[in-house]
Amino acid sequence: MTVKSRSAACWIASVTVCILALIVWLPFCCAADQAAPEIVNSLLLDLGNPNPAVVAAAAKKLQHQTSDSKRIVPALVQALQNPNEMVRIAVIESLGEMGPDAAPALAESLKDNDPLVRESAALALFTMAGNGSQMVPLMVKCLGDASRQVREAAVAALIKTGKPAVEDLVAALQGNNPTVQAAASDALAGIGGAGVSELMAVLKQGNAASAPLAQKTLIRIGGPAVAPLIDLLASGSPETSRLAGDTLIAIGTPAVPALVEALRKKQ
């Protein structure tokens, strides 16, 4: 047999072995996906293993067993006491798939000493489908976190939440923490038109501290803010009309047609 023939034969044998291995392994994979009680029990036991790698692997596998969340969530919450931060992150990722029952534990993890763990908790709360409005106060608190990654995760979560987050974000914008105010502005700019009316209300108040922040955010939102700003330009007090005009000028091109029309009507 030539060298080339032997190589081809070896390749065919290797492929055959891989196929046979898949055939043998596939039923076990399917069994795991079906959350057989004995498999879940084994994984729950692994959460108490002294080896961090074993605990993290068990936590990751449990995130697919959401149908048994009532039993799994307490065990995962207990595993959050593990001193290894990578284990806590794996546990948090699993809790993020378990629904509202896991929210209190995730909220508590936002206080973790490790910024990566706090970031993971914020992202896990972000992924909880159907619970956006309930998570808003927790996410707004994260806007003042010392970690930029945590703040960014919170901003992304609040943007995804949309309109239900606007009231809390506008309140944060009017606070006195510059870090929180900047992050709240980022979130409101990302939400866009859904927050324009609340920002316009802040602008109309003309508060020396908060009106410029509302103005800056409206400029970032752009087009959706133009029509309300035109109305304020025409009917506001001298100070708020000036703010509206300055904001429209800063918005630039999207505001030009409306500004021209407003000037035409004034003539």
C-alpha atoms as a PDB file:
ATOM      1  CA  MET A   1       0.000   0.000   0.000  1.00  0.00           C
ATOM      2  CA  THR A   2       1.386   3.414  -0.931  1.00  0.00           C
ATOM      3  CA  VAL A   3       1.873   6.248   1.560  1.00  0.00           C
ATOM      4  CA  LYS A   4      -0.998   8.140  -0.096  1.00  0.00           C
ATOM      5  CA  SER A   5      -3.310   5.103   0.204  1.00  0.00           C
ATOM      6  CA  ARG A   6      -2.379   4.602   3.849  1.00  0.00           C
ATOM      7  CA  SER A   7      -3.124   8.304   4.558  1.00  0.00           C
ATOM      8  CA  ALA A   8      -6.528   8.029   2.891  1.00  0.00           C
ATOM      9  CA  ALA A   9      -7.302   4.867   4.848  1.00  0.00           C
ATOM     10  CA  CYS A  10      -6.332   6.579   8.123  1.00  0.00           C
ATOM     11  CA  TRP A  11      -8.524   9.573   7.291  1.00  0.00           C
ATOM     12  CA  ILE A  12     -11.523   7.325   6.539  1.00  0.00           C
ATOM     13  CA  ALA A  13     -10.941   5.409   9.781  1.00  0.00           C
ATOM     14  CA  SER A  14     -10.778   8.668  11.779  1.00  0.00           C
ATOM     15  CA  VAL A  15     -14.015   9.948  10.269  1.00  0.00           C
ATOM     16  CA  THR A  16     -15.694   6.618  10.958  1.00  0.00           C
ATOM     17  CA  VAL A  17     -14.632   6.729  14.606  1.00  0.00           C
ATOM     18  CA  CYS A  18     -15.982  10.305  14.958  1.00  0.00           C
ATOM     19  CA  ILE A  19     -19.331   9.319  13.447  1.00  0.00           C
ATOM     20  CA  LEU A  20     -19.620   6.293  15.739  1.00  0.00           C
ATOM     21  CA  ALA A  21     -18.750   8.468  18.736  1.00  0.00           C
ATOM     22  CA  LEU A  22     -21.501  10.927  17.794  1.00  0.00           C
ATOM     23  CA  ILE A  23     -24.012   8.100  17.406  1.00  0.00           C
ATOM     24  CA  VAL A  24     -23.131   6.772  20.844  1.00  0.00           C
ATOM     25  CA  TRP A  25     -23.040  10.221  22.508  1.00  0.00           C
ATOM     26  CA  LEU A  26     -26.178  11.719  20.922  1.00  0.00           C
ATOM     27  CA  PRO A  27     -28.721   9.916  23.145  1.00  0.00           C
ATOM     28  CA  PHE A  28     -26.927  11.182  26.231  1.00  0.00           C
ATOM     29  CA  CYS A  29     -27.005  14.761  24.915  1.00  0.00           C
ATOM     30  CA  CYS A  30     -30.715  14.476  24.204  1.00  0.00           C
ATOM     31  CA  ALA A  31     -31.297  13.031  27.658  1.00  0.00           C
ATOM     32  CA  ALA A  32     -29.543  16.030  29.193  1.00  0.00           C
ATOM     33  CA  ASP A  33     -31.686  18.433  27.182  1.00  0.00           C
ATOM     34  CA  GLN A  34     -34.807  16.653  28.391  1.00  0.00           C
ATOM     35  CA  ALA A  35     -33.826  17.423  32.001  1.00  0.00           C
ATOM     36  CA  ALA A  36     -34.090  13.844  33.266  1.00  0.00           C
ATOM     37  CA  PRO A  37     -34.428  13.988  37.080  1.00  0.00           C
ATOM     38  CA  GLU A  38     -31.295  11.918  37.685  1.00  0.00           C
ATOM     39  CA  ILE A  39     -29.219  14.259  35.495  1.00  0.00           C
ATOM     40  CA  VAL A  40     -30.524  17.357  37.285  1.00  0.00           C
ATOM     41  CA  ASN A  41     -29.898  15.713  40.650  1.00  0.00           C
ATOM     42  CA  SER A  42     -26.317  14.979  39.653  1.00  0.00           C
ATOM     43  CA  LEU A  43     -25.759  18.566  38.511  1.00  0.00           C
ATOM     44  CA  LEU A  44     -27.246  19.934  41.729  1.00  0.00           C
ATOM     45  CA  LEU A  45     -24.829  17.789  43.717  1.00  0.00           C
ATOM     46  CA  ASP A  46     -21.963  19.104  41.594  1.00  0.00           C
ATOM     47  CA  LEU A  47     -22.783  22.648  42.744  1.00  0.00           C
ATOM     48  CA  GLY A  48     -21.331  21.674  46.110  1.00  0.00           C
ATOM     49  CA  ASN A  49     -18.135  20.221  44.655  1.00  0.00           C
ATOM     50  CA  PRO A  50     -14.898  21.763  46.033  1.00  0.00           C
ATOM     51  CA  ASN A  51     -13.507  22.017  42.483  1.00  0.00           C
ATOM     52  CA  PRO A  52     -14.520  25.436  40.995  1.00  0.00           C
ATOM     53  CA  ALA A  53     -14.367  24.051  37.442  1.00  0.00           C
ATOM     54  CA  VAL A  54     -16.891  21.339  38.294  1.00  0.00           C
ATOM     55  CA  VAL A  55     -19.240  23.834  39.941  1.00  0.00           C
ATOM     56  CA  ALA A  56     -19.035  26.270  37.004  1.00  0.00           C
ATOM     57  CA  ALA A  57     -19.683  23.475  34.496  1.00  0.00           C
ATOM     58  CA  ALA A  58     -22.704  22.245  36.470  1.00  0.00           C
ATOM     59  CA  ALA A  59     -24.117  25.774  36.679  1.00  0.00           C
ATOM     60  CA  LYS A  60     -23.775  26.268  32.922  1.00  0.00           C
ATOM     61  CA  LYS A  61     -25.561  22.979  32.201  1.00  0.00           C
ATOM     62  CA  LEU A  62     -28.375  23.838  34.619  1.00  0.00           C
ATOM     63  CA  GLN A  63     -29.248  26.997  32.719  1.00  0.00           C
ATOM     64  CA  HIS A  64     -30.943  24.805  30.087  1.00  0.00           C
ATOM     65  CA  GLN A  65     -33.194  23.124  32.680  1.00  0.00           C
ATOM     66  CA  THR A  66     -35.627  26.003  33.156  1.00  0.00           C
ATOM     67  CA  SER A  67     -38.638  23.688  33.490  1.00  0.00           C
ATOM     68  CA  ASP A  68     -37.287  22.657  36.901  1.00  0.00           C
ATOM     69  CA  SER A  69     -36.439  26.198  38.049  1.00  0.00           C
ATOM     70  CA  LYS A  70     -38.333  25.951  41.370  1.00  0.00           C
ATOM     71  CA  ARG A  71     -35.855  23.320  42.495  1.00  0.00           C
ATOM     72  CA  ILE A  72     -32.778  24.669  40.732  1.00  0.00           C
ATOM     73  CA  VAL A  73     -32.927  28.360  41.720  1.00  0.00           C
ATOM     74  CA  PRO A  74     -32.382  27.816  45.500  1.00  0.00           C
ATOM     75  CA  ALA A  75     -29.380  25.606  44.768  1.00  0.00           C
ATOM     76  CA  LEU A  76     -27.902  28.195  42.404  1.00  0.00           C
ATOM     77  CA  VAL A  77     -28.511  30.951  44.951  1.00  0.00           C
ATOM     78  CA  GLN A  78     -26.580  28.915  47.508  1.00  0.00           C
ATOM     79  CA  ALA A  79     -23.750  28.502  44.989  1.00  0.00           C
ATOM     80  CA  LEU A  80     -23.434  32.298  44.784  1.00  0.00           C
ATOM     81  CA  GLN A  81     -21.578  32.055  48.100  1.00  0.00           C
ATOM     82  CA  ASN A  82     -18.670  30.368  46.273  1.00  0.00           C
ATOM     83  CA  PRO A  83     -15.472  32.439  46.753  1.00  0.00           C
ATOM     84  CA  ASN A  84     -14.430  31.908  43.118  1.00  0.00           C
ATOM     85  CA  GLU A  85     -15.645  34.804  40.968  1.00  0.00           C
ATOM     86  CA  MET A  86     -15.778  32.707  37.782  1.00  0.00           C
ATOM     87  CA  VAL A  87     -18.109  30.275  39.548  1.00  0.00           C
ATOM     88  CA  ARG A  88     -20.342  33.140  40.652  1.00  0.00           C
ATOM     89  CA  ILE A  89     -20.441  34.456  37.074  1.00  0.00           C
ATOM     90  CA  ALA A  90     -21.448  31.017  35.733  1.00  0.00           C
ATOM     91  CA  VAL A  91     -24.148  30.757  38.410  1.00  0.00           C
ATOM     92  CA  ILE A  92     -25.446  34.236  37.601  1.00  0.00           C
ATOM     93  CA  GLU A  93     -25.671  33.401  33.892  1.00  0.00           C
ATOM     94  CA  SER A  94     -27.807  30.377  34.768  1.00  0.00           C
ATOM     95  CA  LEU A  95     -30.004  32.392  37.117  1.00  0.00           C
ATOM     96  CA  GLY A  96     -30.603  34.834  34.276  1.00  0.00           C
ATOM     97  CA  GLU A  97     -32.434  32.056  32.416  1.00  0.00           C
ATOM     98  CA  MET A  98     -34.628  31.074  35.368  1.00  0.00           C
ATOM     99  CA  GLY A  99     -37.165  33.899  35.336  1.00  0.00           C
ATOM    100  CA  PRO A 100     -38.534  36.197  38.068  1.00  0.00           C
ATOM    101  CA  ASP A 101     -37.762  33.804  40.935  1.00  0.00           C
ATOM    102  CA  ALA A 102     -34.071  34.517  40.384  1.00  0.00           C
ATOM    103  CA  ALA A 103     -34.395  38.327  40.346  1.00  0.00           C
ATOM    104  CA  PRO A 104     -33.767  38.910  44.091  1.00  0.00           C
ATOM    105  CA  ALA A 105     -30.525  36.903  43.998  1.00  0.00           C
ATOM    106  CA  LEU A 106     -29.365  38.750  40.889  1.00  0.00           C
ATOM    107  CA  ALA A 107     -30.179  42.064  42.530  1.00  0.00           C
ATOM    108  CA  GLU A 108     -28.080  41.054  45.521  1.00  0.00           C
ATOM    109  CA  SER A 109     -25.214  40.159  43.165  1.00  0.00           C
ATOM    110  CA  LEU A 110     -25.157  43.756  41.958  1.00  0.00           C
ATOM    111  CA  LYS A 111     -23.432  44.468  45.295  1.00  0.00           C
ATOM    112  CA  ASP A 112     -20.653  41.905  44.725  1.00  0.00           C
ATOM    113  CA  ASN A 113     -17.114  43.160  45.319  1.00  0.00           C
ATOM    114  CA  ASP A 114     -15.980  41.921  41.902  1.00  0.00           C
ATOM    115  CA  PRO A 115     -16.914  44.262  39.010  1.00  0.00           C
ATOM    116  CA  LEU A 116     -17.113  41.364  36.518  1.00  0.00           C
ATOM    117  CA  VAL A 117     -19.648  39.637  38.759  1.00  0.00           C
ATOM    118  CA  ARG A 118     -21.684  42.851  39.032  1.00  0.00           C
ATOM    119  CA  GLU A 119     -21.558  43.255  35.256  1.00  0.00           C
ATOM    120  CA  SER A 120     -22.778  39.675  34.788  1.00  0.00           C
ATOM    121  CA  ALA A 121     -25.649  40.309  37.205  1.00  0.00           C
ATOM    122  CA  ALA A 122     -26.665  43.433  35.290  1.00  0.00           C
ATOM    123  CA  LEU A 123     -26.583  41.540  31.987  1.00  0.00           C
ATOM    124  CA  ALA A 124     -28.556  38.657  33.487  1.00  0.00           C
ATOM    125  CA  LEU A 125     -31.268  41.032  34.677  1.00  0.00           C
ATOM    126  CA  PHE A 126     -31.217  42.561  31.192  1.00  0.00           C
ATOM    127  CA  THR A 127     -31.954  39.209  29.555  1.00  0.00           C
ATOM    128  CA  MET A 128     -34.949  38.396  31.763  1.00  0.00           C
ATOM    129  CA  ALA A 129     -37.740  38.459  29.189  1.00  0.00           C
ATOM    130  CA  GLY A 130     -40.963  40.172  30.252  1.00  0.00           C
ATOM    131  CA  ASN A 131     -39.533  41.681  33.430  1.00  0.00           C
ATOM    132  CA  GLY A 132     -38.029  44.896  32.089  1.00  0.00           C
ATOM    133  CA  SER A 133     -40.115  47.369  34.087  1.00  0.00           C
ATOM    134  CA  GLN A 134     -39.537  45.454  37.331  1.00  0.00           C
ATOM    135  CA  MET A 135     -35.800  45.639  36.780  1.00  0.00           C
ATOM    136  CA  VAL A 136     -35.671  49.394  36.130  1.00  0.00           C
ATOM    137  CA  PRO A 137     -34.914  50.604  39.701  1.00  0.00           C
ATOM    138  CA  LEU A 138     -32.118  48.037  39.983  1.00  0.00           C
ATOM    139  CA  MET A 139     -30.625  49.067  36.663  1.00  0.00           C
ATOM    140  CA  VAL A 140     -30.844  52.777  37.505  1.00  0.00           C
ATOM    141  CA  LYS A 141     -28.886  52.096  40.699  1.00  0.00           C
ATOM    142  CA  CYS A 142     -26.193  50.482  38.555  1.00  0.00           C
ATOM    143  CA  LEU A 143     -25.723  53.754  36.654  1.00  0.00           C
ATOM    144  CA  GLY A 144     -23.607  54.969  39.567  1.00  0.00           C
ATOM    145  CA  ASP A 145     -21.425  51.862  39.754  1.00  0.00           C
ATOM    146  CA  ALA A 146     -17.671  52.389  39.961  1.00  0.00           C
ATOM    147  CA  SER A 147     -17.170  49.988  37.021  1.00  0.00           C
ATOM    148  CA  ARG A 148     -17.678  51.393  33.545  1.00  0.00           C
ATOM    149  CA  GLN A 149     -18.639  47.929  32.276  1.00  0.00           C
ATOM    150  CA  VAL A 150     -21.417  47.667  34.853  1.00  0.00           C
ATOM    151  CA  ARG A 151     -22.730  51.110  33.917  1.00  0.00           C
ATOM    152  CA  GLU A 152     -22.681  50.207  30.228  1.00  0.00           C
ATOM    153  CA  ALA A 153     -24.550  46.958  30.897  1.00  0.00           C
ATOM    154  CA  ALA A 154     -27.176  48.895  32.854  1.00  0.00           C
ATOM    155  CA  VAL A 155     -27.532  51.481  30.082  1.00  0.00           C
ATOM    156  CA  ALA A 156     -28.030  48.694  27.515  1.00  0.00           C
ATOM    157  CA  ALA A 157     -30.673  47.087  29.732  1.00  0.00           C
ATOM    158  CA  LEU A 158     -32.531  50.376  30.183  1.00  0.00           C
ATOM    159  CA  ILE A 159     -32.445  51.104  26.453  1.00  0.00           C
ATOM    160  CA  LYS A 160     -33.930  47.687  25.779  1.00  0.00           C
ATOM    161  CA  THR A 161     -36.622  48.315  28.403  1.00  0.00           C
ATOM    162  CA  GLY A 162     -37.645  51.514  26.593  1.00  0.00           C
ATOM    163  CA  LYS A 163     -40.602  53.628  27.679  1.00  0.00           C
ATOM    164  CA  PRO A 164     -41.097  51.971  31.110  1.00  0.00           C
ATOM    165  CA  ALA A 165     -37.600  53.167  32.058  1.00  0.00           C
ATOM    166  CA  VAL A 166     -38.054  56.808  31.052  1.00  0.00           C
ATOM    167  CA  GLU A 167     -39.573  58.175  34.274  1.00  0.00           C
ATOM    168  CA  ASP A 168     -36.800  56.754  36.463  1.00  0.00           C
ATOM    169  CA  LEU A 169     -34.123  57.876  34.026  1.00  0.00           C
ATOM    170  CA  VAL A 170     -35.417  61.443  33.914  1.00  0.00           C
ATOM    171  CA  ALA A 171     -35.423  61.481  37.714  1.00  0.00           C
ATOM    172  CA  ALA A 172     -31.801  60.265  37.649  1.00  0.00           C
ATOM    173  CA  LEU A 173     -30.947  62.960  35.099  1.00  0.00           C
ATOM    174  CA  GLN A 174     -32.227  65.567  37.572  1.00  0.00           C
ATOM    175  CA  GLY A 175     -30.160  64.190  40.451  1.00  0.00           C
ATOM    176  CA  ASN A 176     -26.811  65.450  41.668  1.00  0.00           C
ATOM    177  CA  ASN A 177     -24.456  62.604  40.735  1.00  0.00           C
ATOM    178  CA  PRO A 178     -22.592  63.497  37.506  1.00  0.00           C
ATOM    179  CA  THR A 179     -21.771  59.844  36.744  1.00  0.00           C
ATOM    180  CA  VAL A 180     -25.418  58.807  37.062  1.00  0.00           C
ATOM    181  CA  GLN A 181     -26.578  61.846  35.082  1.00  0.00           C
ATOM    182  CA  ALA A 182     -24.230  61.060  32.198  1.00  0.00           C
ATOM    183  CA  ALA A 183     -25.310  57.413  32.091  1.00  0.00           C
ATOM    184  CA  ALA A 184     -29.001  58.392  32.319  1.00  0.00           C
ATOM    185  CA  SER A 185     -28.493  60.737  29.368  1.00  0.00           C
ATOM    186  CA  ASP A 186     -26.896  57.887  27.395  1.00  0.00           C
ATOM    187  CA  ALA A 187     -29.867  55.624  28.134  1.00  0.00           C
ATOM    188  CA  LEU A 188     -32.468  58.268  27.277  1.00  0.00           C
ATOM    189  CA  ALA A 189     -30.669  59.099  24.033  1.00  0.00           C
ATOM    190  CA  GLY A 190     -30.716  55.399  23.179  1.00  0.00           C
ATOM    191  CA  ILE A 191     -34.431  55.112  23.963  1.00  0.00           C
ATOM    192  CA  GLY A 192     -35.060  58.037  21.626  1.00  0.00           C
ATOM    193  CA  GLY A 193     -38.508  59.413  20.833  1.00  0.00           C
ATOM    194  CA  ALA A 194     -40.242  57.544  23.662  1.00  0.00           C
ATOM    195  CA  GLY A 195     -38.597  59.875  26.177  1.00  0.00           C
ATOM    196  CA  VAL A 196     -38.985  63.199  24.385  1.00  0.00           C
ATOM    197  CA  SER A 197     -42.110  64.463  26.208  1.00  0.00           C
ATOM    198  CA  GLU A 198     -40.535  63.892  29.644  1.00  0.00           C
ATOM    199  CA  LEU A 199     -37.321  65.613  28.561  1.00  0.00           C
ATOM    200  CA  MET A 200     -39.315  68.518  27.162  1.00  0.00           C
ATOM    201  CA  ALA A 201     -40.987  68.894  30.562  1.00  0.00           C
ATOM    202  CA  VAL A 202     -37.542  69.229  32.170  1.00  0.00           C
ATOM    203  CA  LEU A 203     -36.489  71.754  29.530  1.00  0.00           C
ATOM    204  CA  LYS A 204     -39.624  73.848  30.122  1.00  0.00           C
ATOM    205  CA  GLN A 205     -38.876  74.054  33.839  1.00  0.00           C
ATOM    206  CA  GLY A 206     -35.725  75.961  32.920  1.00  0.00           C
ATOM    207  CA  ASN A 207     -33.793  74.672  35.920  1.00  0.00           C
ATOM    208  CA  ALA A 208     -30.195  75.842  35.627  1.00  0.00           C
ATOM    209  CA  ALA A 209     -28.829  72.430  36.588  1.00  0.00           C
ATOM    210  CA  SER A 210     -31.116  69.981  34.807  1.00  0.00           C
ATOM    211  CA  ALA A 211     -32.330  71.914  31.727  1.00  0.00           C
ATOM    212  CA  PRO A 212     -28.900  71.815  30.010  1.00  0.00           C
ATOM    213  CA  LEU A 213     -28.755  68.027  30.555  1.00  0.00           C
ATOM    214  CA  ALA A 214     -32.212  67.612  29.034  1.00  0.00           C
ATOM    215  CA  GLN A 215     -31.141  69.864  26.160  1.00  0.00           C
ATOM    216  CA  LYS A 216     -28.003  67.809  25.524  1.00  0.00           C
ATOM    217  CA  THR A 217     -30.055  64.598  25.476  1.00  0.00           C
ATOM    218  CA  LEU A 218     -32.671  66.056  23.115  1.00  0.00           C
ATOM    219  CA  ILE A 219     -29.893  67.095  20.745  1.00  0.00           C
ATOM    220  CA  ARG A 220     -28.641  63.495  20.695  1.00  0.00           C
ATOM    221  CA  ILE A 221     -32.166  62.204  20.024  1.00  0.00           C
ATOM    222  CA  GLY A 222     -32.475  64.578  17.075  1.00  0.00           C
ATOM    223  CA  GLY A 223     -35.423  64.254  14.670  1.00  0.00           C
ATOM    224  CA  PRO A 224     -38.134  63.009  17.074  1.00  0.00           C
ATOM    225  CA  ALA A 225     -37.512  66.078  19.281  1.00  0.00           C
ATOM    226  CA  VAL A 226     -37.918  68.664  16.514  1.00  0.00           C
ATOM    227  CA  ALA A 227     -41.725  69.142  16.510  1.00  0.00           C
ATOM    228  CA  PRO A 228     -42.052  69.636  20.313  1.00  0.00           C
ATOM    229  CA  LEU A 229     -39.093  72.031  20.244  1.00  0.00           C
ATOM    230  CA  ILE A 230     -40.724  74.065  17.473  1.00  0.00           C
ATOM    231  CA  ASP A 231     -43.892  74.318  19.593  1.00  0.00           C
ATOM    232  CA  LEU A 232     -41.841  75.492  22.588  1.00  0.00           C
ATOM    233  CA  LEU A 233     -39.988  77.986  20.400  1.00  0.00           C
ATOM    234  CA  ALA A 234     -43.313  79.562  19.468  1.00  0.00           C
ATOM    235  CA  SER A 235     -45.133  79.436  22.804  1.00  0.00           C
ATOM    236  CA  GLY A 236     -42.549  79.271  25.590  1.00  0.00           C
ATOM    237  CA  SER A 237     -41.193  81.941  27.888  1.00  0.00           C
ATOM    238  CA  PRO A 238     -38.271  84.000  26.581  1.00  0.00           C
ATOM    239  CA  GLU A 239     -35.820  81.717  28.400  1.00  0.00           C
ATOM    240  CA  THR A 240     -37.375  78.413  27.323  1.00  0.00           C
ATOM    241  CA  SER A 241     -37.852  79.699  23.752  1.00  0.00           C
ATOM    242  CA  ARG A 242     -34.138  80.513  23.678  1.00  0.00           C
ATOM    243  CA  LEU A 243     -33.341  77.010  24.939  1.00  0.00           C
ATOM    244  CA  ALA A 244     -35.595  75.506  22.272  1.00  0.00           C
ATOM    245  CA  GLY A 245     -33.981  77.593  19.538  1.00  0.00           C
ATOM    246  CA  ASP A 246     -30.465  76.695  20.647  1.00  0.00           C
ATOM    247  CA  THR A 247     -31.423  73.020  20.768  1.00  0.00           C
ATOM    248  CA  LEU A 248     -32.895  73.088  17.268  1.00  0.00           C
ATOM    249  CA  ILE A 249     -29.791  74.786  15.899  1.00  0.00           C
ATOM    250  CA  ALA A 250     -27.611  72.133  17.544  1.00  0.00           C
ATOM    251  CA  ILE A 251     -29.754  69.338  16.069  1.00  0.00           C
ATOM    252  CA  GLY A 252     -28.903  70.776  12.682  1.00  0.00           C
ATOM    253  CA  THR A 253     -30.119  69.366   9.360  1.00  0.00           C
ATOM    254  CA  PRO A 254     -33.146  67.386  10.658  1.00  0.00           C
ATOM    255  CA  ALA A 255     -34.509  70.613  12.199  1.00  0.00           C
ATOM    256  CA  VAL A 256     -33.974  72.942   9.224  1.00  0.00           C
ATOM    257  CA  PRO A 257     -37.292  72.415   7.347  1.00  0.00           C
ATOM    258  CA  ALA A 258     -39.327  72.875  10.530  1.00  0.00           C
ATOM    259  CA  LEU A 259     -37.343  75.979  11.498  1.00  0.00           C
ATOM    260  CA  VAL A 260     -37.849  77.527   8.045  1.00  0.00           C
ATOM    261  CA  GLU A 261     -41.573  76.832   8.226  1.00  0.00           C
ATOM    262  CA  ALA A 262     -41.772  78.354  11.735  1.00  0.00           C
ATOM    263  CA  LEU A 263     -40.011  81.514  10.555  1.00  0.00           C
ATOM    264  CA  ARG A 264     -42.282  81.719   7.516  1.00  0.00           C
ATOM    265  CA  LYS A 265     -45.384  81.583   9.723  1.00  0.00           C
ATOM    266  CA  LYS A 266     -43.949  84.268  12.005  1.00  0.00           C
ATOM    267  CA  GLN A 267     -43.635  86.630   9.061  1.00  0.00           C
END
